[in-house]
Each structure stands twice: as structure tokens, then as C-alpha cells.
Amino acid sequence: MPDARAIRLAISLTALRAVIDLIVSLHRSLTRREPKSQASNKTGYMSINSHDHSITRRLAASLFAAAITLSTTAASFAADTVVLRVGDQKGGNRSLLEISGYAKDLPYRIEWSEFPAAAPILEALNAGALDVGYTGDLSFLSVYAAGAPIKAIGGTRSDAKTQAILVRQDSPIKSAADLRGKRLAGTRGGWGQFLIDATLEKAQIKLEDATFAPLGPVDAKIALVAGSIDAWAVWEPYVSFATLKDRARVIADGEGLTPTITFIVASDNAIATKRAAVQDLVQRLNKARLWSLDHVSEYARNTAELTKLPEDVLLSAYTAQRTSPIVIDENVVKEVQEASDRSTRYGILPKKLDVSKAVDRSFTAAAAGSN
């Protein structure tokens, strides 16, 4: 259903076209040469006297002025339409909004761009090519630490057990204690690398006593199946796919080790110039996420249809994650600060960060107040 602004714009353009047609018709009448009187009687042409010319010219002038007004109005409506450039991943926020029904009646327009992973979304935000995106907490901090003009403005939390370290079904590795001397793959600067380091530390294994292989999910999955790595640190729905389809085993997870927060991230420029639209998007995403908690099977089924991913994998992932919206409050900032400090100690982050300066709490505070 179109929003009110779109309706007004359509009406203005329709009226403008009608006025232009009238002006063209009058112009043809004014420029038509008047035939001689005898010819007029023979042909049946209507003679236009000077008085008629005067009236017609005044009418044309009035219509021309109306056309200018309507064109200005139409241009104003078009110029005032806010466009949010939003980065997404397959089966991500766009699917969530559309399936839940919260993509309807937007008072702005969204230009969606699909990316294969969170890293290029962050790169696009840093370059000013996107207004809003989403990513894991630690990946966000890695880019923020490099000076990107971005802030975390909202987010969700999933069960930490859904971040896991996987091994092949036939692997001799039984627990984290067996990871010494092994080759472990995960995303650099994000959940994968952090979970590996935190798991090794918990198992009292020095980081240098294992080999880290920086691989994205697609390459790491292939490497694990091929046997070129010993273990893979990843998240849902990759965990469910690997365990259900590839018969991989979980030997450790993120419980007690990671916040498992996914941040909604916006550029500083979008926060300053498109605040109302960004605020509305955060609220819609929060409501859509709450809807998904009460409609897990429907959400999995519809996402499977849109993405062509196996429905049983998505149902397993969504059931395990129980992803819910968060308010970025003092407790969240403190929790992410602790993870940030550990990342600095592990060498994942180049320097210590003040997480409170990396977030804008006002968006989730307003969103919570509107629910």
C-alpha cells in the first residue's frame, strides 16, 4: 500500500500532465492561421477574433503558471523522499521485515544491497556507500577501531551456545583440550577468531600452541570437509547445516565466553541526516524480531522459500538462537567492553576501545518506549 507522500506525488504528476496537455492544445489553437472569411464559410472553420485571442492567451498564461506550481510541488515531494541504503545478507533483515509484514507502509524508501558476509557491509558503511547494516559485535569493533565513522544503534542477542567450534564426525578431537597443535579456522577480527582464542584460553592452551587459519564460512566449510583444517569456529545457521547435513560435531561453544550480540550499525552521516527514518527502521526490526520468536516455524518456512536454504536447517538454527532485540544500556555496554578488552589482549583489536563512545543508545531507548 503506497504511503501518503507517494499518493500526493502521483496526484501532482497526473495533474501536471493534464495541464500540459491543455497548454499544448491551446498553443495549437493560437498558432493556427485564421482562414479568409469566404474560405471560412466554405470549410466550416471557426473564426477566432481578437477578443477570443485575448481570453485564450490569458487562460494559457494561467495554466502555464499552474504547471510551474505543480512541477515545483512534484519535485519537492520527490526531493523530500528519504532513501535509506541498507546492507543485508541472504535471509537477513529484508526477509525478516517482509515475512513479518513490517516492510509495509514505509514513510521512506529502502535501497537494499545484498552482501555475502558482514565484512563487506562494514567496508561499504565505512566508505559511505551504505547508511545502515548489521554485523557481529566484535567485527563492528574491529572496523570502529580502525576509525570508521559508524555507531552501533541497535541489535539482537542470540544464545551463546549457537557459536560453536566444529570438527568432522571422524575427527579424533573430543574436546577443547585436544586443540593443542591443531589448525583452527574462523573469521579474522570477529566471532570466529575470538571464540577460538577464548576457548584455547579456557582450556589453558597458549594461543601460539595452535594455528589460526583466517577463513570465511564458505571456505572454512570446504576446508573442514576436505580435512585441510582440524576445527572450525562459526555461528548459525552454519552450525545447524554442518551438524545436520555434514554430520560435524560440536566440541566447544560460546557459552560464558561471548556476548553473541549482532549490532545494527549506522553511519554517522545517516544518524545526522536521516535520523527519523533510521529510528523507524530500528523499531520495525525490533517488532519483526519479536514476531519471529512467536512464529518460528512460519519464519523458517518462508525464509527457506526465499533463500532456497533447507527448512530443517533454518528451523534448527532459529530454535537454538532465540534471537531477541536488545536495548543498548549500561549492562550491554559493560558486557561488550569486557569482550573488547579481551580482544585487545588476544591481539584481535589493535588498541583498547571505549565502547560507550562506539554506540548511540538513543535509538533503542526510543524504540523501547514506542513498544
Protein backbone atom coordinates (compact mmCIF):
# COMPACT_ATOMS: atom_id res chain seq x y z
CA MET A 1 0.00 0.00 0.00
CA PRO A 2 1.59 3.35 -1.02
CA ASP A 3 2.29 5.93 1.68
CA ALA A 4 0.64 9.37 1.75
CA ARG A 5 3.66 11.12 0.25
CA ALA A 6 3.70 8.77 -2.73
CA ILE A 7 -0.03 9.34 -3.28
CA ARG A 8 0.38 13.13 -3.21
CA LEU A 9 3.28 12.89 -5.64
CA ALA A 10 1.26 10.74 -8.04
CA ILE A 11 -1.68 13.18 -7.91
CA SER A 12 0.62 16.13 -8.59
CA LEU A 13 2.21 14.40 -11.58
CA THR A 14 -1.19 13.41 -13.00
CA ALA A 15 -2.50 16.97 -12.68
CA LEU A 16 0.70 18.31 -14.22
CA ARG A 17 0.30 16.07 -17.25
CA ALA A 18 -3.32 17.25 -17.69
CA VAL A 19 -2.31 20.92 -17.55
CA ILE A 20 0.49 20.36 -20.06
CA ASP A 21 -1.97 18.69 -22.45
CA LEU A 22 -4.28 21.73 -22.19
CA ILE A 23 -1.42 24.15 -22.85
CA VAL A 24 -0.36 22.19 -25.92
CA SER A 25 -3.95 22.23 -27.21
CA LEU A 26 -4.27 25.99 -26.67
CA HIS A 27 -0.91 26.60 -28.29
CA ARG A 28 -2.10 24.83 -31.41
CA SER A 29 -5.25 26.99 -31.48
CA LEU A 30 -3.28 30.22 -31.10
CA THR A 31 -0.78 29.39 -33.79
CA ARG A 32 -3.34 28.16 -36.32
CA ARG A 33 -3.65 30.76 -39.07
CA GLU A 34 -7.13 32.28 -39.42
CA PRO A 35 -8.59 31.50 -42.90
CA LYS A 36 -10.21 34.12 -45.10
CA SER A 37 -13.89 34.74 -44.46
CA GLN A 38 -15.00 33.15 -47.72
CA ALA A 39 -12.88 30.13 -47.06
CA SER A 40 -14.25 30.02 -43.56
CA ASN A 41 -17.76 29.75 -44.86
CA LYS A 42 -16.78 27.00 -47.27
CA THR A 43 -14.64 24.94 -44.93
CA GLY A 44 -16.60 25.47 -41.75
CA TYR A 45 -13.53 26.71 -39.78
CA MET A 46 -14.44 28.84 -36.78
CA SER A 47 -13.01 32.33 -36.93
CA ILE A 48 -11.10 33.49 -33.82
CA ASN A 49 -11.40 37.20 -33.24
CA SER A 50 -9.03 39.38 -31.18
CA HIS A 51 -11.22 39.16 -28.06
CA ASP A 52 -11.15 35.36 -28.22
CA HIS A 53 -7.37 35.50 -28.67
CA SER A 54 -7.04 37.65 -25.54
CA ILE A 55 -9.12 35.31 -23.41
CA THR A 56 -7.30 32.24 -24.70
CA ARG A 57 -3.89 33.80 -24.10
CA ARG A 58 -4.84 34.72 -20.51
CA LEU A 59 -6.08 31.18 -19.91
CA ALA A 60 -2.87 29.76 -21.33
CA ALA A 61 -0.83 32.02 -19.07
CA SER A 62 -2.82 30.87 -16.04
CA LEU A 63 -2.39 27.23 -16.99
CA PHE A 64 1.33 27.75 -17.52
CA ALA A 65 1.61 29.24 -14.01
CA ALA A 66 -0.31 26.26 -12.64
CA ALA A 67 2.07 23.90 -14.42
CA ILE A 68 5.06 25.63 -12.84
CA THR A 69 3.47 25.30 -9.39
CA LEU A 70 2.61 21.63 -9.87
CA SER A 71 6.05 20.78 -11.22
CA THR A 72 7.66 22.52 -8.26
CA THR A 73 5.38 20.61 -5.87
CA ALA A 74 6.16 17.29 -7.55
CA ALA A 75 9.88 18.00 -7.44
CA SER A 76 9.59 18.94 -3.78
CA PHE A 77 7.84 15.68 -2.91
CA ALA A 78 10.46 13.69 -4.82
CA ALA A 79 13.33 15.57 -3.18
CA ASP A 80 11.84 15.12 0.29
CA THR A 81 11.58 11.33 -0.03
CA VAL A 82 14.25 9.86 2.23
CA VAL A 83 16.18 6.90 0.86
CA LEU A 84 17.92 4.53 3.26
CA ARG A 85 20.72 2.47 1.73
CA VAL A 86 20.72 -0.74 3.75
CA GLY A 87 23.21 -3.60 3.61
CA ASP A 88 21.85 -7.10 4.06
CA GLN A 89 22.80 -10.76 3.78
CA LYS A 90 20.88 -13.66 2.32
CA GLY A 91 17.95 -14.47 4.59
CA GLY A 92 18.67 -11.40 6.72
CA ASN A 93 16.75 -8.31 7.73
CA ARG A 94 14.97 -7.78 4.42
CA SER A 95 13.47 -11.26 4.58
CA LEU A 96 12.57 -10.75 8.23
CA LEU A 97 10.73 -7.48 7.54
CA GLU A 98 8.88 -8.84 4.51
CA ILE A 99 7.84 -12.14 6.11
CA SER A 100 6.67 -10.47 9.33
CA GLY A 101 4.72 -7.78 7.46
CA TYR A 102 6.73 -4.88 8.85
CA ALA A 103 8.05 -3.85 5.43
CA LYS A 104 4.66 -2.33 4.57
CA ASP A 105 3.77 1.39 4.55
CA LEU A 106 7.31 2.68 4.89
CA PRO A 107 7.43 6.51 5.13
CA TYR A 108 10.76 6.36 3.25
CA ARG A 109 12.34 4.17 0.60
CA ILE A 110 14.90 1.41 1.23
CA GLU A 111 17.59 0.56 -1.30
CA TRP A 112 18.70 -2.94 -0.32
CA SER A 113 22.15 -4.27 -1.19
CA GLU A 114 22.91 -7.94 -0.52
CA PHE A 115 26.41 -8.94 0.58
CA PRO A 116 27.92 -12.41 1.10
CA ALA A 117 29.11 -11.58 4.64
CA ALA A 118 29.26 -8.84 7.26
CA ALA A 119 32.80 -7.69 6.44
CA PRO A 120 31.90 -6.07 3.09
CA ILE A 121 28.86 -4.45 4.71
CA LEU A 122 31.17 -2.75 7.19
CA GLU A 123 33.53 -1.73 4.38
CA ALA A 124 30.61 -0.16 2.49
CA LEU A 125 29.47 1.70 5.62
CA ASN A 126 33.00 2.98 6.15
CA ALA A 127 33.16 4.16 2.53
CA GLY A 128 29.84 5.99 2.79
CA ALA A 129 28.12 3.65 0.31
CA LEU A 130 25.57 2.46 2.90
CA ASP A 131 23.54 4.13 5.64
CA VAL A 132 22.68 1.07 7.74
CA GLY A 133 23.91 -2.51 8.06
CA TYR A 134 24.36 -5.22 10.67
CA THR A 135 27.21 -7.33 11.96
CA GLY A 136 28.54 -9.20 14.96
CA ASP A 137 29.71 -7.16 17.94
CA LEU A 138 33.41 -7.90 17.53
CA SER A 139 33.51 -7.38 13.77
CA PHE A 140 31.92 -3.98 14.36
CA LEU A 141 34.54 -3.10 16.97
CA SER A 142 37.37 -4.13 14.63
CA VAL A 143 36.20 -1.68 11.96
CA TYR A 144 35.33 1.03 14.50
CA ALA A 145 38.84 0.72 15.96
CA ALA A 146 40.24 1.49 12.51
CA GLY A 147 38.46 4.85 12.55
CA ALA A 148 35.27 4.09 10.62
CA PRO A 149 32.62 6.85 11.10
CA ILE A 150 29.93 4.46 12.36
CA LYS A 151 27.94 3.72 15.52
CA ALA A 152 26.06 0.72 16.86
CA ILE A 153 22.46 1.90 17.26
CA GLY A 154 20.53 -1.30 18.00
CA GLY A 155 20.86 -5.03 17.90
CA THR A 156 19.88 -8.52 18.94
CA ARG A 157 21.21 -11.21 21.23
CA SER A 158 21.30 -14.93 20.48
CA ASP A 159 22.07 -17.91 22.72
CA ALA A 160 25.87 -18.08 23.06
CA LYS A 161 25.78 -21.84 22.50
CA THR A 162 24.97 -21.14 18.86
CA GLN A 163 28.56 -20.02 18.38
CA ALA A 164 30.49 -23.27 18.23
CA ILE A 165 33.71 -25.00 17.29
CA LEU A 166 33.07 -27.90 14.93
CA VAL A 167 35.10 -30.94 13.91
CA ARG A 168 34.46 -33.69 11.38
CA GLN A 169 32.48 -36.70 12.50
CA ASP A 170 35.57 -38.93 12.25
CA SER A 171 37.93 -36.48 13.97
CA PRO A 172 39.93 -37.74 16.97
CA ILE A 173 39.29 -34.38 18.67
CA LYS A 174 36.82 -34.88 21.52
CA SER A 175 37.04 -31.62 23.47
CA ALA A 176 38.76 -28.23 23.60
CA ALA A 177 41.66 -29.86 25.45
CA ASP A 178 42.55 -31.69 22.23
CA LEU A 179 43.05 -28.48 20.21
CA ARG A 180 46.73 -28.07 21.07
CA GLY A 181 48.81 -28.15 17.91
CA LYS A 182 45.74 -28.13 15.67
CA ARG A 183 44.82 -25.89 12.73
CA LEU A 184 41.69 -23.87 13.58
CA ALA A 185 39.70 -21.74 11.11
CA GLY A 186 37.45 -18.75 11.69
CA THR A 187 36.78 -15.18 10.61
CA ARG A 188 39.61 -12.77 11.39
CA GLY A 189 38.66 -9.97 13.76
CA GLY A 190 35.22 -11.38 14.51
CA TRP A 191 33.34 -14.09 16.36
CA GLY A 192 35.40 -16.91 14.84
CA GLN A 193 38.82 -15.70 15.95
CA PHE A 194 37.53 -14.55 19.33
CA LEU A 195 35.82 -17.88 20.09
CA ILE A 196 38.98 -19.80 19.16
CA ASP A 197 41.19 -17.65 21.39
CA ALA A 198 38.73 -17.65 24.29
CA THR A 199 38.28 -21.42 24.04
CA LEU A 200 42.04 -22.04 23.99
CA GLU A 201 42.50 -19.76 27.00
CA LYS A 202 39.75 -21.57 28.91
CA ALA A 203 41.42 -24.90 28.11
CA GLN A 204 44.75 -23.44 29.34
CA ILE A 205 46.33 -23.72 25.91
CA LYS A 206 48.61 -20.90 24.77
CA LEU A 207 47.41 -19.15 21.62
CA GLU A 208 50.74 -19.82 19.93
CA ASP A 209 50.28 -23.56 20.54
CA ALA A 210 47.57 -23.73 17.88
CA THR A 211 47.47 -22.38 14.32
CA PHE A 212 44.80 -19.88 13.34
CA ALA A 213 43.59 -20.04 9.71
CA PRO A 214 41.63 -16.89 8.78
CA LEU A 215 38.83 -18.20 6.58
CA GLY A 216 35.28 -17.07 5.89
CA PRO A 217 32.40 -19.52 6.43
CA VAL A 218 32.21 -20.79 2.85
CA ASP A 219 35.93 -21.52 2.54
CA ALA A 220 36.17 -22.90 6.08
CA LYS A 221 33.31 -25.34 5.45
CA ILE A 222 35.07 -26.67 2.35
CA ALA A 223 38.38 -26.90 4.22
CA LEU A 224 36.84 -28.82 7.12
CA VAL A 225 35.18 -31.37 4.84
CA ALA A 226 38.43 -31.73 2.86
CA GLY A 227 40.48 -32.20 6.03
CA SER A 228 42.81 -29.24 5.47
CA ILE A 229 41.79 -27.78 8.84
CA ASP A 230 41.10 -29.59 12.09
CA ALA A 231 38.32 -27.42 13.51
CA TRP A 232 36.06 -24.54 12.53
CA ALA A 233 34.65 -21.76 14.72
CA VAL A 234 31.34 -20.50 13.34
CA TRP A 235 27.74 -19.50 14.13
CA GLU A 236 24.20 -20.25 12.98
CA PRO A 237 22.88 -21.29 10.54
CA TYR A 238 26.27 -22.76 9.59
CA VAL A 239 26.34 -24.80 12.81
CA SER A 240 22.98 -26.41 12.08
CA PHE A 241 23.88 -27.04 8.43
CA ALA A 242 27.20 -28.65 9.36
CA THR A 243 25.73 -30.87 12.06
CA LEU A 244 22.57 -31.87 10.14
CA LYS A 245 23.98 -32.22 6.63
CA ASP A 246 27.71 -32.84 7.04
CA ARG A 247 27.49 -34.75 10.35
CA ALA A 248 30.00 -32.44 12.01
CA ARG A 249 30.35 -32.50 15.81
CA VAL A 250 30.38 -29.61 18.29
CA ILE A 251 33.31 -29.81 20.72
CA ALA A 252 33.00 -26.34 22.31
CA ASP A 253 30.65 -23.35 22.25
CA GLY A 254 30.49 -19.71 23.27
CA GLU A 255 28.53 -20.04 26.49
CA GLY A 256 30.14 -17.80 29.10
CA LEU A 257 32.71 -16.59 26.58
CA THR A 258 30.99 -14.21 24.15
CA PRO A 259 28.08 -11.74 24.26
CA THR A 260 26.78 -13.09 20.92
CA ILE A 261 25.31 -9.70 20.03
CA THR A 262 24.57 -8.64 16.48
CA PHE A 263 24.59 -4.87 16.14
CA ILE A 264 22.53 -2.70 13.82
CA VAL A 265 25.13 -0.22 12.61
CA ALA A 266 24.61 3.20 11.01
CA SER A 267 26.97 5.74 9.54
CA ASP A 268 27.45 8.97 11.45
CA ASN A 269 26.14 10.83 8.41
CA ALA A 270 22.90 8.82 8.30
CA ILE A 271 22.40 9.35 12.03
CA ALA A 272 22.73 13.09 11.49
CA THR A 273 20.73 13.48 8.27
CA LYS A 274 18.23 10.59 8.20
CA ARG A 275 17.55 10.08 11.88
CA ALA A 276 13.76 9.68 11.72
CA ALA A 277 13.99 7.03 9.00
CA VAL A 278 16.79 5.18 10.81
CA GLN A 279 14.78 5.28 14.05
CA ASP A 280 11.73 3.87 12.29
CA LEU A 281 13.80 1.06 10.77
CA VAL A 282 15.19 0.08 14.18
CA GLN A 283 11.67 -0.06 15.61
CA ARG A 284 10.39 -2.17 12.73
CA LEU A 285 13.31 -4.60 13.01
CA ASN A 286 12.70 -4.98 16.74
CA LYS A 287 9.00 -5.68 16.23
CA ALA A 288 9.76 -8.09 13.40
CA ARG A 289 12.25 -9.95 15.58
CA LEU A 290 9.68 -10.32 18.36
CA TRP A 291 7.21 -11.63 15.78
CA SER A 292 9.75 -14.25 14.69
CA LEU A 293 10.04 -15.58 18.24
CA ASP A 294 6.31 -16.36 18.25
CA HIS A 295 6.26 -17.72 14.68
CA VAL A 296 9.47 -19.76 14.43
CA SER A 297 8.10 -22.43 12.08
CA GLU A 298 6.45 -19.87 9.78
CA TYR A 299 9.59 -17.76 9.76
CA ALA A 300 11.78 -20.77 8.89
CA ARG A 301 9.41 -21.98 6.17
CA ASN A 302 9.12 -18.60 4.45
CA THR A 303 12.84 -17.86 4.73
CA ALA A 304 13.58 -21.25 3.17
CA GLU A 305 11.32 -20.37 0.24
CA LEU A 306 13.05 -17.02 -0.26
CA THR A 307 16.64 -18.21 0.18
CA LYS A 308 16.43 -21.84 -1.01
CA LEU A 309 18.19 -22.90 2.20
CA PRO A 310 16.95 -26.15 3.81
CA GLU A 311 13.94 -25.53 6.03
CA ASP A 312 15.10 -28.03 8.65
CA VAL A 313 18.42 -26.19 8.95
CA LEU A 314 16.73 -22.83 9.43
CA LEU A 315 14.22 -24.23 11.91
CA SER A 316 17.06 -25.77 13.92
CA ALA A 317 19.04 -22.52 13.83
CA TYR A 318 16.14 -20.24 14.78
CA THR A 319 15.01 -22.56 17.56
CA ALA A 320 18.51 -22.67 19.04
CA GLN A 321 19.26 -18.97 18.66
CA ARG A 322 16.06 -17.50 20.13
CA THR A 323 17.31 -14.18 18.79
CA SER A 324 15.68 -11.22 20.54
CA PRO A 325 16.10 -7.42 20.33
CA ILE A 326 18.20 -5.63 22.92
CA VAL A 327 18.29 -2.18 24.44
CA ILE A 328 21.81 -0.79 24.35
CA ASP A 329 22.05 0.05 28.04
CA GLU A 330 24.84 0.14 30.61
CA ASN A 331 24.80 -3.65 31.03
CA VAL A 332 25.22 -4.27 27.30
CA VAL A 333 27.99 -1.67 27.06
CA LYS A 334 29.77 -3.27 30.03
CA GLU A 335 29.47 -6.77 28.57
CA VAL A 336 30.77 -5.71 25.16
CA GLN A 337 33.52 -3.67 26.84
CA GLU A 338 34.76 -6.82 28.59
CA ALA A 339 34.80 -8.72 25.29
CA SER A 340 36.57 -5.77 23.66
CA ASP A 341 39.27 -5.74 26.36
CA ARG A 342 39.83 -9.47 25.92
CA SER A 343 40.08 -8.96 22.16
CA THR A 344 42.78 -6.36 22.73
CA ARG A 345 44.63 -8.79 24.97
CA TYR A 346 44.35 -11.53 22.34
CA GLY A 347 45.70 -9.16 19.70
CA ILE A 348 42.46 -9.17 17.70
CA LEU A 349 41.92 -5.44 18.29
CA PRO A 350 44.92 -3.13 17.85
CA LYS A 351 44.12 -0.95 20.85
CA LYS A 352 41.82 -0.63 23.82
CA LEU A 353 38.46 0.92 22.99
CA ASP A 354 35.86 2.87 24.93
CA VAL A 355 32.72 1.00 23.85
CA SER A 356 30.44 3.71 25.25
CA LYS A 357 31.71 6.03 22.50
CA ALA A 358 31.05 3.42 19.81
CA VAL A 359 27.32 3.23 20.47
CA ASP A 360 24.33 5.56 20.28
CA ARG A 361 21.89 4.47 22.98
CA SER A 362 19.10 6.85 21.99
CA PHE A 363 17.71 4.69 19.18
CA THR A 364 16.92 1.60 21.26
CA ALA A 365 15.74 3.75 24.17
CA ALA A 366 13.21 5.38 21.84
CA ALA A 367 12.30 2.04 20.27
CA ALA A 368 11.65 0.50 23.69
CA GLY A 369 9.45 3.43 24.61
CA SER A 370 7.34 3.00 21.47
CA ASN A 371 6.58 -0.69 22.03
